[in-house]
Every structure is written in C-alpha cells, then in structure tokens.
Amino acid sequence: MLMSPPKTDSQSAPVPRDVVVADLCILGAGPGGLALAARAAAFGQKVVLVEKHKMGGTSLNYGAIPVTALIASAERAHAFRSAGPFGIAPYEPVIDRVVVAAQIADIMDKSAPNASVERMTGLGVRVIQAAGQFVDTKTLHAGEHRIVARRFVIATGSSPVVPTIPGLPDVAYQTSDTIMTVRGGIDHLIVLGGGAAGVELAQAYRRLGSRVTIIEQAPSVLRRYDPELASVVRGRLAAEGVVILEDAKLAKVEGTAERLRFDVVAGGGRSRLEGTHLLLACGRQPVTSCIGLDAAKVGVTEAGIKVNRFLRTSNRRIYAIGDVTGLPYSTQRAEYHAGLLVDTLLFRRAKPVNPRLIAHAIHSDPELASVGLTEAEARQSYSSIQVLRWPLRENARALANRMPTGHIKVIADGKGSILGAGIVSSSAGELIGMWALALSKGLTLQDMSDVIAPYPSLSELSRQVSSQRSLATSGHAISRRWVKLLGKFG
C-alpha cells in the first residue's frame, strides 16, 4: 500500500460521518491483507479492509506479476538467440515494445479480479477505499468512516528506496514500481543496485535488446544470498553482456531525458558513464508514515514496525504483517504471516514466526532459490554440519535442455536433519518447494532420498543430492562388515 505525504493544515482529513464496528480491521490490501481478510470473513468475522491506492498492492501492480510477465517475454527472445546447440539456426528477434507492454498488461488484467473490490465484497469483506489513519489506540479514521475494531492488522507493505545522490532530483529516473510504465525502447539502462530486483530486471531488459550496466555498492551482486550460488547467476549475466560494476558508488548524475551522465567511483578511481535510462533498485522500505502510529502507540524503527514472535505490536490490539515489519520483503512472507494470524486471532492458537520456513527465489536465468539456513548461518549455529551438492551436469534433463550450469546445495546437521537448501538452475523456484515442505515437516536426508521422481526430470536433483549421505554410509567399515555377515545367511 503506497501512502501519500503527510497532510498539511490546508489538507485536513474529512470528518468521519459514520461509525463502523468490526471484529477485524486490516489496513492495506496487498497479498497479506487480502489473504487475511478472505480467511477471517470465511469464518464469520466482520472484516473491514482499508486501501487508499490499488487493490493487490505492489505484487499485482508493480512487482512480481508484471516483472514475471516481462521476464517471460525476455526468455522467448533469448531462446531465438541461443537455439544453435539444438540444431536450429539462431537469429536476432525483432522486439515489439508495444506488444510486450500489452502482454504484461494482459497478465495483470487477468490477475486483477482475484484482488478486486468486487471479489472481496462477495466474500463478505467490507472494503473502504480511502487513506487510513489511527487517531488513538483503538480507532482508525478512513475517509468519512470511523472504524472501531477488536483487532487491527497493519499490512501497508513497502515502497522503493530513493537514495540521496547529487543531481538525482533534477533528472528523470525509474524505480522498480515505475519501470514498467516506460514506453518505447531503452537503449542503455543503468541499474543502481544489484539485489534480486536489480538482477531480474537487468537480465530481462538485456534480453529485450537494451545495453545494461549494474552499479552495486557492495563487493558483489546478490550479497544477501549464498555467494557460491549467487556467483553462478552473476556469471550468466556477464556472459549475456550485462556490465557489472561492483564495490562502486554513484557519486553524481546529470543530464536530460534519455541522455544521462553518471560519475562513478570504483576501484579507487572516478569514471564517467553515459546512459539513456536510470533504474533505482536500491531496496525497499516499510510504509509506516501517515498512518498515525504515534497515536496508536505502535513502536516503529527504521527497520519497520516492531512486532514480537507472534506479530503483535506494542499495542496489544494491533498486529502487523508482511513488508511493513522489515526484511526480507516478499509476497510469500506476507501470506505466511496472514496464515499465522488466522490461527492466532480466530482460534487462539498462537504460532511464532519461523523465518526459516519461507522459501525465496530470484527469477533470473538460471533461477536462484533457497529456504532455511545458508552454509554460513548453519556453521554459526551448529558444531557439526553436512554440506551436500549435486551438479546439473550430472542430471539427464539438464543436459538435454542444454542447461548444465548450476547445482543444488543442501545443509544438514550431523544426524541428517535438513537445515537448509539452495538451488541455482532452471526452475529452481519450483524445485525449492519440496525442500520447504521437508523443513516444515522435519524430514531428513534419508526421507528425501526415498522420493521417486520421474525420469528424466530436474526434480531428480533432490533425490540425487540426498542419496549422497547413504552412499557415504555404505562405505563405512562397520556397514561393510554387517553386510558381509548377513551374506553368510544365504
């Protein structure tokens, strides 16, 4: 949910004309707010959902859905260029930017009904389309409505970070929330930020014919991910012609529309870079202003609204879910939080948040997906761990698809209990689901090695990597003597 700047004295809020009494009032109609509202209403709760901007939040209108549609077009373009190894003459495709934009809009239109006011109303949720603001610890004003509820949930999401850079306010720039609105060609896109969004968009626009340069202040792109896996994605970007400047800082920007000049500090020196478009992909920040958190006595920091393990704020009536509670930002995290609150608020079965259960994926090519602990995190928490790997070059489906670069990496404790998994491969975002289930159910490597997957398929990777433990055990001296003894009985 994107909030407006604070109102001035000349923009006083309208005086509420009616009082709405509810069991649950949710501020923000993004994925988390929608999921919670629908589930609570299904159990007979009187639910009010307040949203001042677009239903569906960032995910539907600016984030995951339109970006995934853009990536799908980019993948088709790349397939034409890379068809040679399959015996098909490669060629440079003609990119029709108008049609690409139209197909993105079509996907968004087809997804929109699931988040519409009409659908939520049909489910029994009252939707108020107005800016919401707490006026005290138990009351929210939204437009002409005064809402009094037993419980409130803040789900206002996050917005793009716009850094302080000399010259930036005077030039045209895009954020991850606005880049899709650019019409026409992008000759040279400068991406400031090498996180998940920056990498996804950089590769997509490169495949759609743009020159692309990433400027990343950290020593490496995708710094929040396992460096072993992230390096595979980085290598692919570079191979496709994306220029990556790491440990670099944008010191100044100037110029006019589609003729921008950048002063970049990197490697102890200063250089000049030119581009036509600037994309700020510097991360996101929780939307906490203009909603009356002080009046509600809700504690907040720069990281987001402070919540306990059960998502309750410093006001016992108010909870918060999703991006507004801080890193990591994702649709699936917001929906996971919503599911926990259904148990907490409706059935009094409070369950603590377990961030290790939330899977994440970067929809680059190859994709990078992970769940649970990374190797570095596991080594900090456990005295003994196992690190198992299986390369794609030893998977028949990956070889047939001419995609042998990448691997699966699994972290387990000394007894074989799964602690985490990471995959860098085609369809990694789909494959990681099995490992997310394994973590949530406390499965072991032995359990995963028992899974029979179709042959040939990428899903075999899970069995292949898990089987390494049993293979190692089979070579143990005690095991060999035991097998020899049993052999004497015929």
Protein backbone atom coordinates (compact mmCIF):
# COMPACT_ATOMS: atom_id res chain seq x y z
CA MET A 1 0.00 0.00 0.00
CA LEU A 2 1.56 3.32 -1.08
CA MET A 3 0.85 6.22 1.24
CA SER A 4 0.62 9.93 0.42
CA PRO A 5 2.84 12.60 2.03
CA PRO A 6 1.65 13.91 5.40
CA LYS A 7 -1.34 16.22 5.14
CA THR A 8 -0.79 19.91 5.74
CA ASP A 9 -3.15 22.13 7.74
CA SER A 10 -4.84 23.11 4.46
CA GLN A 11 -5.40 19.42 3.66
CA SER A 12 -7.23 18.41 6.81
CA ALA A 13 -8.77 14.97 6.83
CA PRO A 14 -12.54 14.72 6.32
CA VAL A 15 -14.63 14.45 9.46
CA PRO A 16 -15.97 10.90 9.88
CA ARG A 17 -19.72 10.70 9.38
CA ASP A 18 -20.41 7.13 10.44
CA VAL A 19 -19.01 4.58 12.83
CA VAL A 20 -18.08 1.13 11.57
CA VAL A 21 -17.77 -1.60 14.19
CA ALA A 22 -15.78 -4.69 13.18
CA ASP A 23 -14.12 -7.77 14.57
CA LEU A 24 -11.06 -7.13 12.43
CA CYS A 25 -9.83 -4.09 10.52
CA ILE A 26 -6.96 -4.54 8.07
CA LEU A 27 -5.00 -1.56 6.77
CA GLY A 28 -3.59 -2.44 3.34
CA ALA A 29 -4.94 -4.65 0.54
CA GLY A 30 -1.73 -6.26 -0.64
CA PRO A 31 -1.25 -10.05 -0.69
CA GLY A 32 -1.12 -10.37 3.09
CA GLY A 33 -4.09 -8.13 3.79
CA LEU A 34 -6.21 -9.81 1.11
CA ALA A 35 -5.38 -13.31 2.33
CA LEU A 36 -6.16 -12.47 5.95
CA ALA A 37 -9.39 -10.65 5.11
CA ALA A 38 -10.71 -13.52 2.98
CA ARG A 39 -9.91 -16.19 5.56
CA ALA A 40 -11.29 -14.24 8.50
CA ALA A 41 -14.53 -13.47 6.65
CA ALA A 42 -14.88 -17.16 5.74
CA PHE A 43 -15.05 -17.93 9.46
CA GLY A 44 -17.85 -15.44 10.06
CA GLN A 45 -15.80 -12.47 11.22
CA LYS A 46 -16.93 -8.94 10.45
CA VAL A 47 -13.94 -7.68 8.46
CA VAL A 48 -13.14 -4.19 7.18
CA LEU A 49 -10.34 -3.78 4.63
CA VAL A 50 -8.95 -0.27 4.12
CA GLU A 51 -6.94 0.58 1.00
CA LYS A 52 -6.26 4.05 -0.42
CA HIS A 53 -4.35 3.00 -3.52
CA LYS A 54 -4.62 -0.05 -5.80
CA MET A 55 -6.03 -3.37 -4.68
CA GLY A 56 -3.41 -6.12 -4.81
CA GLY A 57 -0.53 -3.95 -3.64
CA THR A 58 2.95 -3.97 -5.12
CA SER A 59 2.87 -7.64 -6.13
CA LEU A 60 0.00 -7.22 -8.58
CA ASN A 61 0.53 -3.67 -9.78
CA TYR A 62 4.31 -3.17 -9.91
CA GLY A 63 6.16 -6.22 -8.64
CA ALA A 64 6.06 -9.98 -9.01
CA ILE A 65 3.27 -10.33 -11.57
CA PRO A 66 4.29 -7.69 -14.16
CA VAL A 67 8.00 -8.46 -13.67
CA THR A 68 7.38 -12.16 -14.25
CA ALA A 69 5.44 -11.31 -17.41
CA LEU A 70 8.34 -9.15 -18.61
CA ILE A 71 10.79 -11.96 -17.88
CA ALA A 72 8.63 -14.38 -19.89
CA SER A 73 8.93 -12.16 -22.97
CA ALA A 74 12.66 -11.81 -22.40
CA GLU A 75 13.06 -15.59 -22.17
CA ARG A 76 11.36 -16.05 -25.55
CA ALA A 77 13.70 -13.52 -27.14
CA HIS A 78 16.74 -15.23 -25.63
CA ALA A 79 15.54 -18.62 -26.89
CA PHE A 80 15.81 -17.41 -30.51
CA ARG A 81 19.37 -16.22 -29.97
CA SER A 82 20.51 -19.39 -28.19
CA ALA A 83 18.91 -22.08 -30.37
CA GLY A 84 22.13 -23.09 -32.15
CA PRO A 85 23.10 -26.04 -29.90
CA PHE A 86 19.70 -27.63 -30.64
CA GLY A 87 20.30 -27.66 -34.40
CA ILE A 88 18.14 -24.61 -35.00
CA ALA A 89 19.67 -21.59 -36.68
CA PRO A 90 19.75 -18.74 -34.16
CA TYR A 91 18.74 -15.23 -35.15
CA GLU A 92 18.19 -11.85 -33.57
CA PRO A 93 14.46 -11.39 -32.87
CA VAL A 94 12.59 -8.18 -33.55
CA ILE A 95 11.27 -6.80 -30.26
CA ASP A 96 7.90 -5.04 -30.48
CA ARG A 97 7.87 -2.98 -27.28
CA VAL A 98 4.20 -2.10 -27.70
CA VAL A 99 3.19 -5.78 -27.83
CA VAL A 100 5.47 -6.62 -24.89
CA ALA A 101 3.77 -3.91 -22.83
CA ALA A 102 0.37 -5.17 -23.96
CA GLN A 103 1.09 -8.76 -22.88
CA ILE A 104 2.23 -7.54 -19.47
CA ALA A 105 -0.97 -5.52 -19.11
CA ASP A 106 -3.00 -8.56 -20.19
CA ILE A 107 -1.46 -10.74 -17.48
CA MET A 108 -2.13 -8.05 -14.88
CA ASP A 109 -5.74 -7.70 -16.07
CA LYS A 110 -6.29 -11.44 -15.79
CA SER A 111 -4.83 -11.48 -12.27
CA ALA A 112 -6.67 -8.38 -11.04
CA PRO A 113 -10.11 -9.98 -10.39
CA ASN A 114 -8.61 -12.09 -7.60
CA ALA A 115 -7.75 -8.89 -5.74
CA SER A 116 -10.75 -6.79 -6.74
CA VAL A 117 -13.17 -4.92 -4.51
CA GLU A 118 -15.98 -6.96 -6.05
CA ARG A 119 -14.38 -10.28 -5.09
CA MET A 120 -13.66 -9.20 -1.54
CA THR A 121 -17.16 -7.81 -1.14
CA GLY A 122 -18.55 -11.09 -2.42
CA LEU A 123 -16.56 -12.90 0.25
CA GLY A 124 -18.19 -10.77 2.94
CA VAL A 125 -15.43 -8.20 3.42
CA ARG A 126 -16.31 -4.53 3.60
CA VAL A 127 -13.79 -2.57 1.55
CA ILE A 128 -13.22 1.12 2.26
CA GLN A 129 -11.17 2.84 -0.42
CA ALA A 130 -9.60 5.70 1.49
CA ALA A 131 -6.45 6.57 3.39
CA GLY A 132 -6.48 5.08 6.87
CA GLN A 133 -5.02 6.76 9.94
CA PHE A 134 -5.13 5.84 13.62
CA VAL A 135 -6.44 8.62 15.85
CA ASP A 136 -6.00 6.73 19.10
CA THR A 137 -5.11 3.26 20.36
CA LYS A 138 -8.37 1.67 19.23
CA THR A 139 -9.80 3.84 16.45
CA LEU A 140 -8.96 4.28 12.77
CA HIS A 141 -10.29 7.03 10.51
CA ALA A 142 -10.65 6.25 6.81
CA GLY A 143 -12.31 8.91 4.67
CA GLU A 144 -15.70 9.59 6.17
CA HIS A 145 -15.58 6.48 8.32
CA ARG A 146 -14.59 5.97 11.94
CA ILE A 147 -13.63 2.33 12.46
CA VAL A 148 -13.66 0.67 15.86
CA ALA A 149 -12.44 -2.93 15.87
CA ARG A 150 -11.47 -5.59 18.37
CA ARG A 151 -8.23 -6.15 16.46
CA PHE A 152 -6.33 -4.21 13.81
CA VAL A 153 -3.71 -5.53 11.40
CA ILE A 154 -1.28 -3.22 9.60
CA ALA A 155 -0.31 -4.55 6.16
CA THR A 156 0.81 -1.38 4.39
CA GLY A 157 3.76 -3.02 2.63
CA SER A 158 6.87 -1.25 1.38
CA SER A 159 7.98 1.34 -1.16
CA PRO A 160 11.19 1.80 -3.20
CA VAL A 161 14.16 3.48 -1.57
CA VAL A 162 15.28 6.65 -3.34
CA PRO A 163 18.86 7.35 -2.23
CA THR A 164 20.39 10.78 -1.74
CA ILE A 165 22.65 11.37 -4.76
CA PRO A 166 23.79 14.75 -6.06
CA GLY A 167 21.78 15.66 -9.14
CA LEU A 168 19.21 12.87 -8.77
CA PRO A 169 16.20 15.15 -8.04
CA ASP A 170 16.87 17.02 -11.28
CA VAL A 171 16.81 14.05 -13.67
CA ALA A 172 14.23 11.53 -14.78
CA TYR A 173 14.59 8.16 -13.08
CA GLN A 174 12.59 4.99 -12.62
CA THR A 175 12.09 2.69 -9.64
CA SER A 176 11.02 -0.93 -9.60
CA ASP A 177 7.47 0.41 -9.17
CA THR A 178 7.55 2.61 -12.28
CA ILE A 179 9.92 0.96 -14.81
CA MET A 180 7.02 -0.89 -16.45
CA THR A 181 5.41 2.41 -17.42
CA VAL A 182 8.29 3.29 -19.78
CA ARG A 183 7.07 3.20 -23.35
CA GLY A 184 9.39 2.86 -26.31
CA GLY A 185 12.90 1.47 -26.43
CA ILE A 186 15.53 1.66 -23.70
CA ASP A 187 18.93 1.98 -25.32
CA HIS A 188 21.20 1.86 -22.25
CA LEU A 189 19.71 1.11 -18.85
CA ILE A 190 21.78 1.94 -15.77
CA VAL A 191 20.62 -0.15 -12.81
CA LEU A 192 21.62 1.19 -9.41
CA GLY A 193 21.54 -1.84 -7.13
CA GLY A 194 22.43 -5.48 -7.61
CA GLY A 195 19.86 -7.14 -5.40
CA ALA A 196 17.13 -9.50 -6.56
CA ALA A 197 15.01 -6.86 -8.32
CA GLY A 198 18.02 -5.22 -9.96
CA VAL A 199 19.33 -8.53 -11.29
CA GLU A 200 15.96 -9.73 -12.58
CA LEU A 201 15.22 -6.50 -14.43
CA ALA A 202 18.78 -6.09 -15.71
CA GLN A 203 18.76 -9.50 -17.37
CA ALA A 204 15.23 -9.05 -18.74
CA TYR A 205 15.99 -5.72 -20.40
CA ARG A 206 19.30 -7.01 -21.72
CA ARG A 207 17.49 -9.90 -23.39
CA LEU A 208 14.99 -7.45 -24.84
CA GLY A 209 17.79 -5.66 -26.63
CA SER A 210 18.95 -2.96 -24.21
CA ARG A 211 22.50 -2.35 -23.11
CA VAL A 212 22.57 -2.73 -19.34
CA THR A 213 25.02 -1.70 -16.63
CA ILE A 214 24.62 -2.60 -12.95
CA ILE A 215 26.22 -0.39 -10.31
CA GLU A 216 26.42 -2.20 -6.96
CA GLN A 217 27.88 -0.56 -3.87
CA ALA A 218 28.56 -3.88 -2.13
CA PRO A 219 31.54 -6.07 -3.08
CA SER A 220 29.24 -8.34 -5.09
CA VAL A 221 25.75 -8.50 -6.53
CA LEU A 222 23.13 -10.61 -4.70
CA ARG A 223 25.07 -10.14 -1.48
CA ARG A 224 22.18 -11.40 0.68
CA TYR A 225 22.40 -14.85 -0.91
CA ASP A 226 24.82 -17.73 -0.64
CA PRO A 227 27.85 -16.43 -2.58
CA GLU A 228 28.52 -19.88 -4.06
CA LEU A 229 25.10 -19.89 -5.70
CA ALA A 230 24.99 -16.18 -6.49
CA SER A 231 28.26 -16.42 -8.44
CA VAL A 232 26.56 -18.71 -10.98
CA VAL A 233 23.87 -16.09 -11.69
CA ARG A 234 26.49 -13.37 -11.87
CA GLY A 235 28.46 -15.38 -14.42
CA ARG A 236 25.41 -15.77 -16.63
CA LEU A 237 24.65 -12.05 -16.53
CA ALA A 238 28.20 -11.21 -17.56
CA ALA A 239 28.12 -13.83 -20.34
CA GLU A 240 24.98 -12.23 -21.75
CA GLY A 241 26.61 -8.83 -21.88
CA VAL A 242 25.42 -7.16 -18.68
CA VAL A 243 28.21 -4.89 -17.41
CA ILE A 244 28.59 -5.28 -13.63
CA LEU A 245 30.40 -2.64 -11.57
CA GLU A 246 30.82 -3.89 -8.01
CA ASP A 247 32.16 -2.07 -4.96
CA ALA A 248 31.13 1.04 -6.87
CA LYS A 249 29.30 4.21 -5.90
CA LEU A 250 27.23 6.58 -7.98
CA ALA A 251 28.66 9.96 -6.97
CA LYS A 252 26.65 12.23 -9.26
CA VAL A 253 24.07 12.15 -12.03
CA GLU A 254 23.12 14.84 -14.51
CA GLY A 255 21.65 15.30 -17.96
CA THR A 256 18.36 15.49 -19.78
CA ALA A 257 15.76 12.94 -20.84
CA GLU A 258 17.43 9.86 -22.38
CA ARG A 259 20.86 11.48 -22.17
CA LEU A 260 22.16 10.93 -18.68
CA ARG A 261 25.71 11.16 -17.39
CA PHE A 262 26.93 9.38 -14.28
CA ASP A 263 30.03 9.92 -12.19
CA VAL A 264 31.01 6.51 -10.76
CA VAL A 265 33.62 5.91 -8.08
CA ALA A 266 35.10 2.40 -8.24
CA GLY A 267 38.50 0.82 -7.67
CA GLY A 268 39.87 3.97 -6.14
CA GLY A 269 39.17 5.98 -9.28
CA ARG A 270 36.40 8.09 -10.77
CA SER A 271 34.93 7.50 -14.23
CA ARG A 272 32.15 8.90 -16.41
CA LEU A 273 29.34 6.68 -17.66
CA GLU A 274 26.52 7.56 -20.04
CA GLY A 275 23.09 6.01 -20.34
CA THR A 276 19.56 6.74 -21.50
CA HIS A 277 17.55 5.48 -18.50
CA LEU A 278 18.21 5.12 -14.78
CA LEU A 279 16.56 2.41 -12.68
CA LEU A 280 16.82 2.73 -8.90
CA ALA A 281 16.83 -0.79 -7.46
CA CYS A 282 18.30 0.14 -4.09
CA GLY A 283 15.92 -1.89 -1.99
CA ARG A 284 12.62 -1.09 -0.33
CA GLN A 285 11.49 0.47 2.93
CA PRO A 286 8.43 -0.17 5.11
CA VAL A 287 5.49 2.22 4.64
CA THR A 288 4.95 3.46 8.18
CA SER A 289 4.35 7.20 7.79
CA CYS A 290 0.98 8.93 7.62
CA ILE A 291 -0.94 6.12 9.33
CA GLY A 292 -0.92 7.51 12.89
CA LEU A 293 1.39 5.03 14.59
CA ASP A 294 2.24 7.53 17.33
CA ALA A 295 -1.44 7.98 18.16
CA ALA A 296 -1.89 4.21 18.15
CA LYS A 297 1.10 3.76 20.50
CA VAL A 298 2.74 1.40 17.98
CA GLY A 299 6.52 1.18 18.18
CA VAL A 300 8.46 1.62 14.96
CA THR A 301 12.10 1.80 13.88
CA GLU A 302 13.86 2.40 10.57
CA ALA A 303 13.65 -1.35 10.00
CA GLY A 304 9.85 -1.33 10.28
CA ILE A 305 7.08 -1.82 12.80
CA LYS A 306 8.33 -3.67 15.86
CA VAL A 307 6.49 -6.95 16.42
CA ASN A 308 7.05 -9.92 18.70
CA ARG A 309 7.30 -13.54 17.59
CA PHE A 310 3.51 -13.61 17.21
CA LEU A 311 3.34 -10.44 15.08
CA ARG A 312 1.82 -8.33 17.86
CA THR A 313 2.92 -4.71 18.13
CA SER A 314 3.44 -2.69 21.30
CA ASN A 315 -0.33 -2.06 21.20
CA ARG A 316 -1.99 -5.33 22.20
CA ARG A 317 -4.93 -4.61 19.87
CA ILE A 318 -2.75 -4.16 16.80
CA TYR A 319 -0.71 -6.63 14.75
CA ALA A 320 1.48 -6.11 11.69
CA ILE A 321 2.35 -8.43 8.81
CA GLY A 322 4.49 -8.54 5.69
CA ASP A 323 6.92 -5.93 4.41
CA VAL A 324 5.93 -3.32 6.96
CA THR A 325 7.66 -5.44 9.64
CA GLY A 326 11.02 -5.27 7.84
CA LEU A 327 13.27 -7.60 5.88
CA PRO A 328 13.04 -9.81 3.93
CA TYR A 329 10.36 -8.36 1.68
CA SER A 330 8.26 -10.85 -0.28
CA THR A 331 4.71 -11.78 -1.16
CA GLN A 332 5.04 -15.27 0.30
CA ARG A 333 6.22 -13.88 3.63
CA ALA A 334 3.16 -11.63 3.87
CA GLU A 335 0.84 -14.53 3.08
CA TYR A 336 2.65 -16.74 5.61
CA HIS A 337 2.13 -14.07 8.26
CA ALA A 338 -1.55 -13.86 7.32
CA GLY A 339 -1.94 -17.60 7.82
CA LEU A 340 -0.36 -17.41 11.27
CA LEU A 341 -2.72 -14.62 12.33
CA VAL A 342 -5.76 -16.66 11.31
CA ASP A 343 -4.76 -19.20 13.96
CA THR A 344 -3.78 -16.52 16.47
CA LEU A 345 -6.80 -14.24 16.21
CA LEU A 346 -9.58 -16.66 15.35
CA PHE A 347 -8.64 -19.88 17.10
CA ARG A 348 -6.34 -18.60 19.88
CA ARG A 349 -3.62 -20.98 18.65
CA ALA A 350 -0.73 -18.57 18.56
CA LYS A 351 2.19 -19.81 16.50
CA PRO A 352 5.53 -18.00 16.44
CA VAL A 353 7.02 -16.83 13.17
CA ASN A 354 9.69 -19.18 11.83
CA PRO A 355 11.53 -17.32 9.05
CA ARG A 356 13.43 -20.49 8.13
CA LEU A 357 10.28 -21.94 6.59
CA ILE A 358 9.87 -19.18 4.00
CA ALA A 359 11.33 -20.02 0.59
CA HIS A 360 12.72 -17.29 -1.65
CA ALA A 361 13.51 -17.21 -5.36
CA ILE A 362 15.18 -14.85 -7.80
CA HIS A 363 13.60 -15.25 -11.23
CA SER A 364 16.77 -14.77 -13.19
CA ASP A 365 18.14 -17.34 -15.61
CA PRO A 366 19.30 -19.53 -14.03
CA GLU A 367 16.96 -19.03 -11.11
CA LEU A 368 18.31 -18.94 -7.58
CA ALA A 369 16.07 -20.29 -4.83
CA SER A 370 16.67 -21.04 -1.18
CA VAL A 371 14.97 -21.99 2.06
CA GLY A 372 16.24 -22.41 5.60
CA LEU A 373 19.80 -21.74 6.68
CA THR A 374 22.70 -20.99 4.38
CA GLU A 375 26.01 -22.76 4.92
CA ALA A 376 27.44 -19.72 6.73
CA GLU A 377 24.41 -19.43 9.02
CA ALA A 378 24.47 -23.14 9.82
CA ARG A 379 28.15 -23.05 10.75
CA GLN A 380 27.42 -20.28 13.24
CA SER A 381 24.64 -22.26 14.93
CA TYR A 382 25.78 -25.90 14.74
CA SER A 383 29.03 -27.57 15.77
CA SER A 384 28.72 -30.20 13.07
CA ILE A 385 27.02 -29.91 9.68
CA GLN A 386 26.98 -31.69 6.35
CA VAL A 387 27.13 -29.83 3.04
CA LEU A 388 25.92 -31.89 0.07
CA ARG A 389 26.00 -30.82 -3.58
CA TRP A 390 24.88 -32.26 -6.90
CA PRO A 391 25.75 -30.59 -10.23
CA LEU A 392 23.30 -30.13 -13.06
CA ARG A 393 25.82 -31.59 -15.49
CA GLU A 394 25.03 -34.99 -13.93
CA ASN A 395 21.28 -34.63 -14.43
CA ALA A 396 19.88 -36.05 -17.68
CA ARG A 397 17.12 -33.45 -18.10
CA ALA A 398 19.52 -30.54 -17.57
CA LEU A 399 21.86 -31.98 -20.20
CA ALA A 400 19.01 -32.45 -22.67
CA ASN A 401 17.91 -28.86 -22.10
CA ARG A 402 21.49 -27.64 -22.66
CA MET A 403 21.43 -26.07 -19.19
CA PRO A 404 24.18 -27.90 -17.29
CA THR A 405 25.39 -24.89 -15.30
CA GLY A 406 24.38 -24.77 -11.65
CA HIS A 407 23.80 -27.16 -8.78
CA ILE A 408 21.76 -27.98 -5.73
CA LYS A 409 23.26 -27.48 -2.29
CA VAL A 410 21.80 -28.94 0.90
CA ILE A 411 22.77 -28.25 4.50
CA ALA A 412 22.05 -30.85 7.20
CA ASP A 413 23.13 -31.46 10.76
CA GLY A 414 25.30 -34.38 11.80
CA LYS A 415 22.29 -36.70 12.07
CA GLY A 416 20.93 -35.88 8.63
CA SER A 417 18.16 -33.46 9.65
CA ILE A 418 17.71 -30.82 6.95
CA LEU A 419 18.70 -27.28 7.89
CA GLY A 420 18.52 -25.55 4.53
CA ALA A 421 18.76 -25.87 0.78
CA GLY A 422 19.75 -23.70 -2.15
CA ILE A 423 19.34 -24.32 -5.87
CA VAL A 424 20.72 -22.44 -8.83
CA SER A 425 19.21 -23.88 -12.00
CA SER A 426 16.35 -23.61 -14.41
CA SER A 427 13.04 -23.86 -12.49
CA ALA A 428 14.79 -23.53 -9.12
CA GLY A 429 11.78 -21.60 -7.84
CA GLU A 430 9.63 -24.68 -8.45
CA LEU A 431 12.16 -27.22 -7.16
CA ILE A 432 12.68 -25.45 -3.82
CA GLY A 433 9.10 -26.20 -2.81
CA MET A 434 9.99 -29.79 -1.96
CA TRP A 435 12.70 -28.58 0.42
CA ALA A 436 10.38 -26.03 2.01
CA LEU A 437 7.99 -28.90 2.75
CA ALA A 438 10.86 -31.01 4.11
CA LEU A 439 11.86 -28.26 6.53
CA SER A 440 8.31 -27.62 7.70
CA LYS A 441 7.77 -31.32 8.42
CA GLY A 442 11.19 -32.02 9.92
CA LEU A 443 12.24 -34.50 7.24
CA THR A 444 15.72 -35.96 6.91
CA LEU A 445 18.10 -36.64 4.05
CA GLN A 446 17.02 -40.27 4.19
CA ASP A 447 13.39 -39.22 3.67
CA MET A 448 14.34 -37.13 0.66
CA SER A 449 16.45 -39.91 -0.85
CA ASP A 450 13.37 -42.16 -0.75
CA VAL A 451 11.40 -39.85 -3.08
CA ILE A 452 10.90 -41.39 -6.53
CA ALA A 453 10.86 -38.64 -9.15
CA PRO A 454 10.01 -39.01 -12.86
CA TYR A 455 12.94 -39.74 -15.15
CA PRO A 456 14.39 -37.69 -16.66
CA SER A 457 13.47 -34.59 -14.68
CA LEU A 458 15.10 -31.79 -12.74
CA SER A 459 13.19 -32.94 -9.67
CA GLU A 460 15.59 -35.89 -9.53
CA LEU A 461 18.17 -33.45 -8.18
CA SER A 462 16.58 -33.66 -4.75
CA ARG A 463 16.95 -37.44 -4.60
CA GLN A 464 20.40 -37.37 -6.15
CA VAL A 465 21.85 -34.93 -3.64
CA SER A 466 20.16 -36.61 -0.66
CA SER A 467 21.41 -40.06 -1.65
CA GLN A 468 24.99 -38.98 -1.10
CA ARG A 469 24.59 -39.48 2.64
CA SER A 470 23.52 -43.11 2.27
CA LEU A 471 26.28 -43.72 -0.27
CA ALA A 472 28.84 -42.35 2.15
CA THR A 473 27.42 -44.50 4.91
CA SER A 474 27.55 -47.61 2.70
CA GLY A 475 31.31 -47.30 2.54
CA HIS A 476 31.69 -47.24 6.30
CA ALA A 477 33.74 -50.17 7.65
CA ILE A 478 31.06 -51.23 10.16
CA SER A 479 28.37 -51.19 7.48
CA ARG A 480 30.51 -53.31 5.17
CA ARG A 481 31.13 -55.90 7.89
CA TRP A 482 27.41 -56.02 8.67
CA VAL A 483 26.55 -56.65 5.01
CA LYS A 484 29.19 -59.37 4.86
CA LEU A 485 27.74 -61.04 7.96
CA LEU A 486 24.20 -61.01 6.57
CA GLY A 487 25.53 -62.56 3.36
CA LYS A 488 26.54 -65.69 5.27
CA PHE A 489 22.90 -66.49 5.90
CA GLY A 490 22.27 -67.05 2.22
